[in-house]
Structure formats: structure tokens, C-alpha cells
Amino acid sequence: LRFEKDRTTCNKIERLVYDELDSIPVNRDIKNLAKQTYLTRILDAYFD
């Protein structure tokens, strides 16, 4: 998937989007984890 690949090959906006998704606090909040799980795939599909 795009978010697995080398982020340096992404454009600046795409990198910022993935960085924001990675920053979602998921350690103890399963709802945040679900939000991160789905949004990462949705936005990955968009850039594809």
C-alpha cells in the first residue's frame, strides 16, 4: 500500500496526511484505533 512505501517519494501534502493519521493516540482508545485503521486505508485509496 502507499502508506507502507518510502514516504520520501510522496508529495508534501500526502506525507502530512499520513503523519497526521500516525499521530492519532491509539494506545488505549480502541475507537481511535478504528478511526486510524479505516481512514488510513480510505486516504490511501484516494491517492491511488
All heavy atoms as atom14 arrays in JSON, in Angstrom:
{
  "sequence": "LRFEKDRTTCNKIERLVYDELDSIPVNRDIKNLAKQTYLTRILDAYFD",
  "atom14_mask": [
    [1, 1, 1, 1, 1, 1, 1, 1, 0, 0, 0, 0, 0, 0],
    [1, 1, 1, 1, 1, 1, 1, 1, 1, 1, 1, 0, 0, 0],
    [1, 1, 1, 1, 1, 1, 1, 1, 1, 1, 1, 0, 0, 0],
    [1, 1, 1, 1, 1, 1, 1, 1, 1, 0, 0, 0, 0, 0],
    [1, 1, 1, 1, 1, 1, 1, 1, 1, 0, 0, 0, 0, 0],
    [1, 1, 1, 1, 1, 1, 1, 1, 0, 0, 0, 0, 0, 0],
    [1, 1, 1, 1, 1, 1, 1, 1, 1, 1, 1, 0, 0, 0],
    [1, 1, 1, 1, 1, 1, 1, 0, 0, 0, 0, 0, 0, 0],
    [1, 1, 1, 1, 1, 1, 1, 0, 0, 0, 0, 0, 0, 0],
    [1, 1, 1, 1, 1, 1, 0, 0, 0, 0, 0, 0, 0, 0],
    [1, 1, 1, 1, 1, 1, 1, 1, 0, 0, 0, 0, 0, 0],
    [1, 1, 1, 1, 1, 1, 1, 1, 1, 0, 0, 0, 0, 0],
    [1, 1, 1, 1, 1, 1, 1, 1, 0, 0, 0, 0, 0, 0],
    [1, 1, 1, 1, 1, 1, 1, 1, 1, 0, 0, 0, 0, 0],
    [1, 1, 1, 1, 1, 1, 1, 1, 1, 1, 1, 0, 0, 0],
    [1, 1, 1, 1, 1, 1, 1, 1, 0, 0, 0, 0, 0, 0],
    [1, 1, 1, 1, 1, 1, 1, 0, 0, 0, 0, 0, 0, 0],
    [1, 1, 1, 1, 1, 1, 1, 1, 1, 1, 1, 1, 0, 0],
    [1, 1, 1, 1, 1, 1, 1, 1, 0, 0, 0, 0, 0, 0],
    [1, 1, 1, 1, 1, 1, 1, 1, 1, 0, 0, 0, 0, 0],
    [1, 1, 1, 1, 1, 1, 1, 1, 0, 0, 0, 0, 0, 0],
    [1, 1, 1, 1, 1, 1, 1, 1, 0, 0, 0, 0, 0, 0],
    [1, 1, 1, 1, 1, 1, 0, 0, 0, 0, 0, 0, 0, 0],
    [1, 1, 1, 1, 1, 1, 1, 1, 0, 0, 0, 0, 0, 0],
    [1, 1, 1, 1, 1, 1, 1, 0, 0, 0, 0, 0, 0, 0],
    [1, 1, 1, 1, 1, 1, 1, 0, 0, 0, 0, 0, 0, 0],
    [1, 1, 1, 1, 1, 1, 1, 1, 0, 0, 0, 0, 0, 0],
    [1, 1, 1, 1, 1, 1, 1, 1, 1, 1, 1, 0, 0, 0],
    [1, 1, 1, 1, 1, 1, 1, 1, 0, 0, 0, 0, 0, 0],
    [1, 1, 1, 1, 1, 1, 1, 1, 0, 0, 0, 0, 0, 0],
    [1, 1, 1, 1, 1, 1, 1, 1, 1, 0, 0, 0, 0, 0],
    [1, 1, 1, 1, 1, 1, 1, 1, 0, 0, 0, 0, 0, 0],
    [1, 1, 1, 1, 1, 1, 1, 1, 0, 0, 0, 0, 0, 0],
    [1, 1, 1, 1, 1, 0, 0, 0, 0, 0, 0, 0, 0, 0],
    [1, 1, 1, 1, 1, 1, 1, 1, 1, 0, 0, 0, 0, 0],
    [1, 1, 1, 1, 1, 1, 1, 1, 1, 0, 0, 0, 0, 0],
    [1, 1, 1, 1, 1, 1, 1, 0, 0, 0, 0, 0, 0, 0],
    [1, 1, 1, 1, 1, 1, 1, 1, 1, 1, 1, 1, 0, 0],
    [1, 1, 1, 1, 1, 1, 1, 1, 0, 0, 0, 0, 0, 0],
    [1, 1, 1, 1, 1, 1, 1, 0, 0, 0, 0, 0, 0, 0],
    [1, 1, 1, 1, 1, 1, 1, 1, 1, 1, 1, 0, 0, 0],
    [1, 1, 1, 1, 1, 1, 1, 1, 0, 0, 0, 0, 0, 0],
    [1, 1, 1, 1, 1, 1, 1, 1, 0, 0, 0, 0, 0, 0],
    [1, 1, 1, 1, 1, 1, 1, 1, 0, 0, 0, 0, 0, 0],
    [1, 1, 1, 1, 1, 0, 0, 0, 0, 0, 0, 0, 0, 0],
    [1, 1, 1, 1, 1, 1, 1, 1, 1, 1, 1, 1, 0, 0],
    [1, 1, 1, 1, 1, 1, 1, 1, 1, 1, 1, 0, 0, 0],
    [1, 1, 1, 1, 1, 1, 1, 1, 0, 0, 0, 0, 0, 0]
  ],
  "atom14_positions": [
    [[0.84, -1.19, 0.0], [0.0, 0.0, 0.0], [0.87, 1.24, 0.0], [2.06, 1.19, 0.34], [-0.91, -0.01, 1.22], [-1.93, -1.14, 1.27], [-2.59, -1.2, 2.63], [-2.98, -0.98, 0.19], [0.0, 0.0, 0.0], [0.0, 0.0, 0.0], [0.0, 0.0, 0.0], [0.0, 0.0, 0.0], [0.0, 0.0, 0.0], [0.0, 0.0, 0.0]],
    [[0.3, 2.37, -0.34], [1.09, 3.6, -0.43], [1.71, 3.95, 0.93], [2.85, 4.37, 1.01], [0.21, 4.76, -0.92], [-0.34, 4.57, -2.31], [-1.26, 5.71, -2.68], [-0.52, 6.94, -2.91], [-0.04, 7.33, -4.1], [-0.23, 6.55, -5.15], [0.61, 8.46, -4.23], [0.0, 0.0, 0.0], [0.0, 0.0, 0.0], [0.0, 0.0, 0.0]],
    [[0.94, 3.77, 2.02], [1.46, 4.19, 3.32], [2.55, 3.26, 3.85], [3.19, 3.55, 4.84], [0.33, 4.35, 4.34], [-0.35, 3.07, 4.76], [0.19, 2.26, 5.74], [-1.57, 2.71, 4.19], [-0.46, 1.11, 6.14], [-2.22, 1.56, 4.59], [-1.66, 0.75, 5.56], [0.0, 0.0, 0.0], [0.0, 0.0, 0.0], [0.0, 0.0, 0.0]],
    [[2.77, 2.12, 3.16], [3.87, 1.24, 3.52], [5.17, 1.63, 2.8], [6.25, 1.26, 3.24], [3.54, -0.21, 3.15], [2.4, -0.83, 3.92], [2.17, -2.27, 3.5], [1.47, -2.49, 2.49], [2.7, -3.17, 4.16], [0.0, 0.0, 0.0], [0.0, 0.0, 0.0], [0.0, 0.0, 0.0], [0.0, 0.0, 0.0], [0.0, 0.0, 0.0]],
    [[5.04, 2.37, 1.72], [6.21, 2.65, 0.88], [7.01, 3.83, 1.44], [6.6, 4.51, 2.37], [5.76, 2.92, -0.55], [5.1, 1.71, -1.21], [4.63, 2.02, -2.63], [3.95, 0.8, -3.26], [3.45, 1.09, -4.62], [0.0, 0.0, 0.0], [0.0, 0.0, 0.0], [0.0, 0.0, 0.0], [0.0, 0.0, 0.0], [0.0, 0.0, 0.0]],
    [[8.13, 4.05, 0.85], [9.04, 5.12, 1.27], [8.33, 6.47, 1.19], [7.95, 6.93, 0.12], [10.27, 5.1, 0.34], [11.28, 6.16, 0.71], [11.06, 6.87, 1.71], [12.3, 6.27, 0.0], [0.0, 0.0, 0.0], [0.0, 0.0, 0.0], [0.0, 0.0, 0.0], [0.0, 0.0, 0.0], [0.0, 0.0, 0.0], [0.0, 0.0, 0.0]],
    [[8.12, 7.1, 2.35], [7.36, 8.34, 2.4], [8.06, 9.49, 1.67], [7.43, 10.47, 1.28], [7.12, 8.75, 3.87], [6.26, 7.75, 4.66], [4.78, 8.08, 4.56], [3.96, 7.06, 5.22], [3.51, 7.16, 6.45], [3.79, 8.23, 7.18], [2.75, 6.21, 6.96], [0.0, 0.0, 0.0], [0.0, 0.0, 0.0], [0.0, 0.0, 0.0]],
    [[9.36, 9.38, 1.49], [10.08, 10.46, 0.81], [9.68, 10.56, -0.66], [9.93, 11.57, -1.31], [11.6, 10.25, 0.91], [11.96, 9.01, 0.3], [12.05, 10.25, 2.37], [0.0, 0.0, 0.0], [0.0, 0.0, 0.0], [0.0, 0.0, 0.0], [0.0, 0.0, 0.0], [0.0, 0.0, 0.0], [0.0, 0.0, 0.0], [0.0, 0.0, 0.0]],
    [[9.06, 9.49, -1.19], [8.63, 9.52, -2.59], [7.24, 10.12, -2.74], [6.77, 10.34, -3.85], [8.62, 8.1, -3.18], [7.68, 7.29, -2.45], [9.99, 7.46, -3.08], [0.0, 0.0, 0.0], [0.0, 0.0, 0.0], [0.0, 0.0, 0.0], [0.0, 0.0, 0.0], [0.0, 0.0, 0.0], [0.0, 0.0, 0.0], [0.0, 0.0, 0.0]],
    [[6.56, 10.41, -1.61], [5.23, 11.01, -1.65], [5.34, 12.53, -1.79], [6.35, 13.12, -1.42], [4.44, 10.68, -0.38], [4.19, 8.92, -0.07], [0.0, 0.0, 0.0], [0.0, 0.0, 0.0], [0.0, 0.0, 0.0], [0.0, 0.0, 0.0], [0.0, 0.0, 0.0], [0.0, 0.0, 0.0], [0.0, 0.0, 0.0], [0.0, 0.0, 0.0]],
    [[4.27, 13.15, -2.25], [4.28, 14.6, -2.27], [4.07, 15.13, -0.85], [3.66, 14.4, 0.06], [3.22, 15.15, -3.23], [1.8, 14.85, -2.79], [1.34, 15.33, -1.77], [1.11, 14.01, -3.58], [0.0, 0.0, 0.0], [0.0, 0.0, 0.0], [0.0, 0.0, 0.0], [0.0, 0.0, 0.0], [0.0, 0.0, 0.0], [0.0, 0.0, 0.0]],
    [[4.33, 16.41, -0.66], [4.33, 17.0, 0.67], [2.96, 16.87, 1.37], [2.89, 16.56, 2.56], [4.73, 18.48, 0.58], [4.83, 19.18, 1.92], [5.2, 20.65, 1.74], [6.63, 20.8, 1.22], [7.06, 22.23, 1.21], [0.0, 0.0, 0.0], [0.0, 0.0, 0.0], [0.0, 0.0, 0.0], [0.0, 0.0, 0.0], [0.0, 0.0, 0.0]],
    [[1.89, 17.08, 0.63], [0.56, 17.0, 1.24], [0.24, 15.57, 1.66], [-0.28, 15.32, 2.75], [-0.52, 17.53, 0.26], [-0.34, 19.04, 0.07], [-1.92, 17.2, 0.76], [-1.34, 19.67, -0.89], [0.0, 0.0, 0.0], [0.0, 0.0, 0.0], [0.0, 0.0, 0.0], [0.0, 0.0, 0.0], [0.0, 0.0, 0.0], [0.0, 0.0, 0.0]],
    [[0.58, 14.6, 0.82], [0.32, 13.2, 1.16], [1.1, 12.8, 2.42], [0.57, 12.12, 3.29], [0.7, 12.29, -0.02], [0.25, 10.85, 0.15], [0.53, 9.99, -1.07], [1.01, 10.52, -2.1], [0.29, 8.77, -0.98], [0.0, 0.0, 0.0], [0.0, 0.0, 0.0], [0.0, 0.0, 0.0], [0.0, 0.0, 0.0], [0.0, 0.0, 0.0]],
    [[2.34, 13.27, 2.53], [3.15, 12.95, 3.72], [2.5, 13.54, 4.97], [2.43, 12.89, 6.02], [4.57, 13.5, 3.57], [5.45, 12.7, 2.65], [6.92, 12.97, 2.9], [7.26, 14.39, 2.76], [7.58, 14.96, 1.61], [7.58, 14.25, 0.49], [7.89, 16.25, 1.56], [0.0, 0.0, 0.0], [0.0, 0.0, 0.0], [0.0, 0.0, 0.0]],
    [[2.01, 14.78, 4.87], [1.38, 15.41, 6.03], [0.1, 14.68, 6.44], [-0.2, 14.55, 7.64], [1.06, 16.88, 5.71], [2.27, 17.81, 5.62], [1.84, 19.19, 5.1], [2.95, 17.95, 6.98], [0.0, 0.0, 0.0], [0.0, 0.0, 0.0], [0.0, 0.0, 0.0], [0.0, 0.0, 0.0], [0.0, 0.0, 0.0], [0.0, 0.0, 0.0]],
    [[-0.64, 14.18, 5.45], [-1.85, 13.41, 5.76], [-1.5, 12.15, 6.53], [-2.11, 11.83, 7.57], [-2.61, 13.06, 4.47], [-3.7, 12.01, 4.75], [-3.24, 14.31, 3.85], [0.0, 0.0, 0.0], [0.0, 0.0, 0.0], [0.0, 0.0, 0.0], [0.0, 0.0, 0.0], [0.0, 0.0, 0.0], [0.0, 0.0, 0.0], [0.0, 0.0, 0.0]],
    [[-0.5, 11.39, 6.05], [-0.11, 10.16, 6.73], [0.47, 10.46, 8.11], [0.24, 9.72, 9.07], [0.9, 9.38, 5.89], [0.29, 8.69, 4.69], [0.91, 8.73, 3.45], [-0.9, 7.99, 4.8], [0.36, 8.1, 2.34], [-1.47, 7.36, 3.71], [-0.84, 7.41, 2.49], [-1.39, 6.78, 1.4], [0.0, 0.0, 0.0], [0.0, 0.0, 0.0]],
    [[1.23, 11.55, 8.22], [1.8, 11.91, 9.52], [0.7, 12.21, 10.53], [0.8, 11.83, 11.7], [2.72, 13.14, 9.37], [4.02, 12.81, 8.64], [4.31, 11.6, 8.51], [4.7, 13.75, 8.19], [0.0, 0.0, 0.0], [0.0, 0.0, 0.0], [0.0, 0.0, 0.0], [0.0, 0.0, 0.0], [0.0, 0.0, 0.0], [0.0, 0.0, 0.0]],
    [[-0.37, 12.9, 10.08], [-1.47, 13.19, 10.99], [-2.17, 11.9, 11.44], [-2.52, 11.74, 12.61], [-2.48, 14.13, 10.34], [-3.61, 14.5, 11.31], [-4.65, 15.42, 10.68], [-4.41, 15.92, 9.57], [-5.7, 15.61, 11.31], [0.0, 0.0, 0.0], [0.0, 0.0, 0.0], [0.0, 0.0, 0.0], [0.0, 0.0, 0.0], [0.0, 0.0, 0.0]],
    [[-2.36, 10.97, 10.49], [-3.0, 9.7, 10.85], [-2.14, 8.91, 11.82], [-2.66, 8.28, 12.76], [-3.28, 8.88, 9.58], [-4.32, 9.46, 8.62], [-4.38, 8.64, 7.34], [-5.7, 9.51, 9.27], [0.0, 0.0, 0.0], [0.0, 0.0, 0.0], [0.0, 0.0, 0.0], [0.0, 0.0, 0.0], [0.0, 0.0, 0.0], [0.0, 0.0, 0.0]],
    [[-0.84, 8.92, 11.6], [0.07, 8.21, 12.51], [0.06, 8.81, 13.91], [0.37, 8.12, 14.88], [1.51, 8.24, 11.96], [1.67, 7.34, 10.73], [0.79, 6.48, 10.52], [2.65, 7.51, 9.99], [0.0, 0.0, 0.0], [0.0, 0.0, 0.0], [0.0, 0.0, 0.0], [0.0, 0.0, 0.0], [0.0, 0.0, 0.0], [0.0, 0.0, 0.0]],
    [[-0.27, 10.09, 14.01], [-0.21, 10.78, 15.3], [-1.47, 10.57, 16.15], [-1.52, 11.03, 17.3], [0.01, 12.28, 15.09], [-1.14, 12.88, 14.5], [0.0, 0.0, 0.0], [0.0, 0.0, 0.0], [0.0, 0.0, 0.0], [0.0, 0.0, 0.0], [0.0, 0.0, 0.0], [0.0, 0.0, 0.0], [0.0, 0.0, 0.0], [0.0, 0.0, 0.0]],
    [[-2.48, 9.89, 15.61], [-3.7, 9.64, 16.39], [-3.35, 8.76, 17.59], [-2.75, 7.7, 17.44], [-4.77, 8.94, 15.52], [-5.23, 9.87, 14.39], [-5.97, 8.52, 16.36], [-6.2, 9.23, 13.41], [0.0, 0.0, 0.0], [0.0, 0.0, 0.0], [0.0, 0.0, 0.0], [0.0, 0.0, 0.0], [0.0, 0.0, 0.0], [0.0, 0.0, 0.0]],
    [[-3.69, 9.19, 18.83], [-3.35, 8.39, 20.02], [-4.2, 7.13, 20.09], [-5.4, 7.19, 20.32], [-3.66, 9.35, 21.18], [-4.69, 10.3, 20.63], [-4.4, 10.43, 19.17], [0.0, 0.0, 0.0], [0.0, 0.0, 0.0], [0.0, 0.0, 0.0], [0.0, 0.0, 0.0], [0.0, 0.0, 0.0], [0.0, 0.0, 0.0], [0.0, 0.0, 0.0]],
    [[-3.57, 5.97, 19.9], [-4.34, 4.72, 19.79], [-4.01, 3.72, 20.88], [-4.59, 2.63, 20.93], [-4.09, 4.06, 18.41], [-4.55, 4.97, 17.29], [-2.61, 3.7, 18.24], [0.0, 0.0, 0.0], [0.0, 0.0, 0.0], [0.0, 0.0, 0.0], [0.0, 0.0, 0.0], [0.0, 0.0, 0.0], [0.0, 0.0, 0.0], [0.0, 0.0, 0.0]],
    [[-3.07, 4.05, 21.77], [-2.59, 3.04, 22.72], [-3.7, 2.43, 23.56], [-3.77, 1.22, 23.73], [-1.52, 3.65, 23.63], [-0.24, 3.93, 22.88], [-0.01, 3.35, 21.82], [0.59, 4.82, 23.4], [0.0, 0.0, 0.0], [0.0, 0.0, 0.0], [0.0, 0.0, 0.0], [0.0, 0.0, 0.0], [0.0, 0.0, 0.0], [0.0, 0.0, 0.0]],
    [[-4.6, 3.27, 24.09], [-5.62, 2.74, 24.99], [-7.04, 2.98, 24.48], [-8.0, 2.54, 25.11], [-5.48, 3.39, 26.37], [-4.17, 3.03, 27.07], [-4.12, 3.63, 28.46], [-2.88, 3.28, 29.14], [-2.57, 3.68, 30.38], [-3.42, 4.45, 31.05], [-1.43, 3.31, 30.93], [0.0, 0.0, 0.0], [0.0, 0.0, 0.0], [0.0, 0.0, 0.0]],
    [[-7.18, 3.65, 23.38], [-8.5, 4.01, 22.87], [-8.79, 3.23, 21.59], [-8.26, 3.54, 20.53], [-8.56, 5.52, 22.6], [-9.99, 5.99, 22.34], [-10.81, 5.17, 21.9], [-10.27, 7.17, 22.59], [0.0, 0.0, 0.0], [0.0, 0.0, 0.0], [0.0, 0.0, 0.0], [0.0, 0.0, 0.0], [0.0, 0.0, 0.0], [0.0, 0.0, 0.0]],
    [[-9.63, 2.19, 21.7], [-9.91, 1.34, 20.54], [-10.69, 2.1, 19.47], [-10.58, 1.82, 18.28], [-10.64, 0.05, 20.96], [-10.67, -0.95, 19.8], [-12.05, 0.36, 21.47], [-11.17, -2.32, 20.18], [0.0, 0.0, 0.0], [0.0, 0.0, 0.0], [0.0, 0.0, 0.0], [0.0, 0.0, 0.0], [0.0, 0.0, 0.0], [0.0, 0.0, 0.0]],
    [[-11.47, 3.12, 19.9], [-12.19, 3.92, 18.92], [-11.22, 4.72, 18.05], [-11.4, 4.81, 16.82], [-13.18, 4.85, 19.62], [-14.12, 5.57, 18.65], [-15.04, 6.54, 19.36], [-16.07, 5.8, 20.17], [-17.09, 6.74, 20.72], [0.0, 0.0, 0.0], [0.0, 0.0, 0.0], [0.0, 0.0, 0.0], [0.0, 0.0, 0.0], [0.0, 0.0, 0.0]],
    [[-10.2, 5.29, 18.66], [-9.17, 5.99, 17.89], [-8.42, 5.03, 16.98], [-8.04, 5.38, 15.86], [-8.18, 6.69, 18.82], [-8.68, 8.05, 19.28], [-9.63, 8.6, 18.72], [-8.04, 8.61, 20.31], [0.0, 0.0, 0.0], [0.0, 0.0, 0.0], [0.0, 0.0, 0.0], [0.0, 0.0, 0.0], [0.0, 0.0, 0.0], [0.0, 0.0, 0.0]],
    [[-8.19, 3.81, 17.48], [-7.5, 2.81, 16.66], [-8.33, 2.47, 15.43], [-7.79, 2.35, 14.32], [-7.23, 1.56, 17.5], [-6.51, 0.41, 16.79], [-5.14, 0.85, 16.28], [-6.36, -0.79, 17.72], [0.0, 0.0, 0.0], [0.0, 0.0, 0.0], [0.0, 0.0, 0.0], [0.0, 0.0, 0.0], [0.0, 0.0, 0.0], [0.0, 0.0, 0.0]],
    [[-9.65, 2.32, 15.61], [-10.52, 2.05, 14.47], [-10.52, 3.21, 13.49], [-10.48, 3.03, 12.26], [-11.94, 1.77, 14.96], [0.0, 0.0, 0.0], [0.0, 0.0, 0.0], [0.0, 0.0, 0.0], [0.0, 0.0, 0.0], [0.0, 0.0, 0.0], [0.0, 0.0, 0.0], [0.0, 0.0, 0.0], [0.0, 0.0, 0.0], [0.0, 0.0, 0.0]],
    [[-10.56, 4.42, 14.03], [-10.52, 5.62, 13.18], [-9.24, 5.64, 12.35], [-9.28, 5.88, 11.13], [-10.61, 6.86, 14.06], [-10.62, 8.18, 13.3], [-10.75, 9.35, 14.28], [-10.72, 10.69, 13.54], [-10.81, 11.83, 14.48], [0.0, 0.0, 0.0], [0.0, 0.0, 0.0], [0.0, 0.0, 0.0], [0.0, 0.0, 0.0], [0.0, 0.0, 0.0]],
    [[-8.13, 5.35, 12.99], [-6.85, 5.33, 12.26], [-6.83, 4.21, 11.22], [-6.38, 4.4, 10.09], [-5.7, 5.13, 13.25], [-4.32, 5.14, 12.6], [-3.25, 4.68, 13.56], [-3.21, 3.53, 13.97], [-2.38, 5.61, 13.94], [0.0, 0.0, 0.0], [0.0, 0.0, 0.0], [0.0, 0.0, 0.0], [0.0, 0.0, 0.0], [0.0, 0.0, 0.0]],
    [[-7.34, 3.03, 11.6], [-7.33, 1.87, 10.69], [-8.08, 2.17, 9.4], [-7.57, 1.94, 8.3], [-7.94, 0.64, 11.39], [-7.19, 0.34, 12.57], [-7.93, -0.56, 10.47], [0.0, 0.0, 0.0], [0.0, 0.0, 0.0], [0.0, 0.0, 0.0], [0.0, 0.0, 0.0], [0.0, 0.0, 0.0], [0.0, 0.0, 0.0], [0.0, 0.0, 0.0]],
    [[-9.3, 2.69, 9.54], [-10.14, 2.91, 8.36], [-9.69, 4.13, 7.55], [-9.61, 4.08, 6.32], [-11.61, 3.07, 8.76], [-12.27, 1.76, 9.14], [-12.29, 1.34, 10.46], [-12.85, 0.95, 8.17], [-12.89, 0.12, 10.82], [-13.46, -0.25, 8.51], [-13.47, -0.65, 9.84], [-14.05, -1.85, 10.17], [0.0, 0.0, 0.0], [0.0, 0.0, 0.0]],
    [[-9.39, 5.24, 8.22], [-9.02, 6.45, 7.49], [-7.72, 6.27, 6.73], [-7.56, 6.81, 5.62], [-8.9, 7.63, 8.47], [-10.22, 8.16, 9.04], [-9.97, 9.31, 10.01], [-11.15, 8.62, 7.92], [0.0, 0.0, 0.0], [0.0, 0.0, 0.0], [0.0, 0.0, 0.0], [0.0, 0.0, 0.0], [0.0, 0.0, 0.0], [0.0, 0.0, 0.0]],
    [[-6.79, 5.51, 7.29], [-5.53, 5.27, 6.59], [-5.8, 4.57, 5.26], [-5.25, 4.94, 4.22], [-4.58, 4.43, 7.45], [-4.31, 5.14, 8.67], [-3.28, 4.17, 6.72], [0.0, 0.0, 0.0], [0.0, 0.0, 0.0], [0.0, 0.0, 0.0], [0.0, 0.0, 0.0], [0.0, 0.0, 0.0], [0.0, 0.0, 0.0], [0.0, 0.0, 0.0]],
    [[-6.69, 3.56, 5.29], [-6.98, 2.83, 4.03], [-7.8, 3.69, 3.08], [-7.59, 3.65, 1.86], [-7.74, 1.53, 4.35], [-8.02, 0.68, 3.1], [-6.73, 0.21, 2.48], [-6.93, -0.48, 1.22], [-6.67, 0.03, 0.02], [-6.21, 1.29, -0.08], [-6.84, -0.68, -1.07], [0.0, 0.0, 0.0], [0.0, 0.0, 0.0], [0.0, 0.0, 0.0]],
    [[-8.74, 4.47, 3.59], [-9.57, 5.32, 2.73], [-8.71, 6.34, 2.0], [-8.82, 6.53, 0.78], [-10.66, 6.03, 3.57], [-11.65, 5.01, 4.12], [-11.39, 7.08, 2.72], [-12.57, 5.57, 5.2], [0.0, 0.0, 0.0], [0.0, 0.0, 0.0], [0.0, 0.0, 0.0], [0.0, 0.0, 0.0], [0.0, 0.0, 0.0], [0.0, 0.0, 0.0]],
    [[-7.82, 7.02, 2.73], [-6.98, 8.05, 2.12], [-5.92, 7.44, 1.21], [-5.55, 8.03, 0.19], [-6.34, 8.9, 3.22], [-7.35, 9.82, 3.92], [-6.84, 10.27, 5.28], [-7.66, 11.03, 3.04], [0.0, 0.0, 0.0], [0.0, 0.0, 0.0], [0.0, 0.0, 0.0], [0.0, 0.0, 0.0], [0.0, 0.0, 0.0], [0.0, 0.0, 0.0]],
    [[-5.47, 6.25, 1.56], [-4.54, 5.53, 0.68], [-5.21, 5.25, -0.67], [-4.61, 5.43, -1.74], [-4.12, 4.21, 1.35], [-2.83, 3.66, 0.78], [-2.87, 3.06, -0.3], [-1.79, 3.83, 1.43], [0.0, 0.0, 0.0], [0.0, 0.0, 0.0], [0.0, 0.0, 0.0], [0.0, 0.0, 0.0], [0.0, 0.0, 0.0], [0.0, 0.0, 0.0]],
    [[-6.49, 4.81, -0.61], [-7.24, 4.55, -1.85], [-7.44, 5.84, -2.64], [-7.39, 5.83, -3.88], [-8.59, 3.92, -1.5], [0.0, 0.0, 0.0], [0.0, 0.0, 0.0], [0.0, 0.0, 0.0], [0.0, 0.0, 0.0], [0.0, 0.0, 0.0], [0.0, 0.0, 0.0], [0.0, 0.0, 0.0], [0.0, 0.0, 0.0], [0.0, 0.0, 0.0]],
    [[-7.67, 6.96, -1.94], [-7.87, 8.23, -2.64], [-6.63, 8.62, -3.45], [-6.74, 8.94, -4.65], [-8.2, 9.34, -1.64], [-8.15, 10.72, -2.26], [-9.12, 11.12, -3.17], [-7.12, 11.61, -1.95], [-9.07, 12.37, -3.76], [-7.07, 12.87, -2.53], [-8.04, 13.24, -3.44], [-8.0, 14.47, -4.03], [0.0, 0.0, 0.0], [0.0, 0.0, 0.0]],
    [[-5.47, 8.58, -2.84], [-4.26, 8.98, -3.56], [-3.93, 8.01, -4.69], [-3.38, 8.41, -5.72], [-3.09, 9.12, -2.59], [-3.17, 10.36, -1.72], [-3.38, 10.26, -0.37], [-3.06, 11.61, -2.29], [-3.47, 11.39, 0.44], [-3.14, 12.76, -1.51], [-3.35, 12.65, -0.13], [0.0, 0.0, 0.0], [0.0, 0.0, 0.0], [0.0, 0.0, 0.0]],
    [[-4.28, 6.73, -4.52], [-4.14, 5.78, -5.62], [-5.05, 6.16, -6.78], [-4.65, 6.13, -7.95], [-4.49, 4.36, -5.15], [-3.25, 3.55, -4.78], [-2.14, 3.95, -5.19], [-3.4, 2.54, -4.08], [0.0, 0.0, 0.0], [0.0, 0.0, 0.0], [0.0, 0.0, 0.0], [0.0, 0.0, 0.0], [0.0, 0.0, 0.0], [0.0, 0.0, 0.0]]
  ]
}
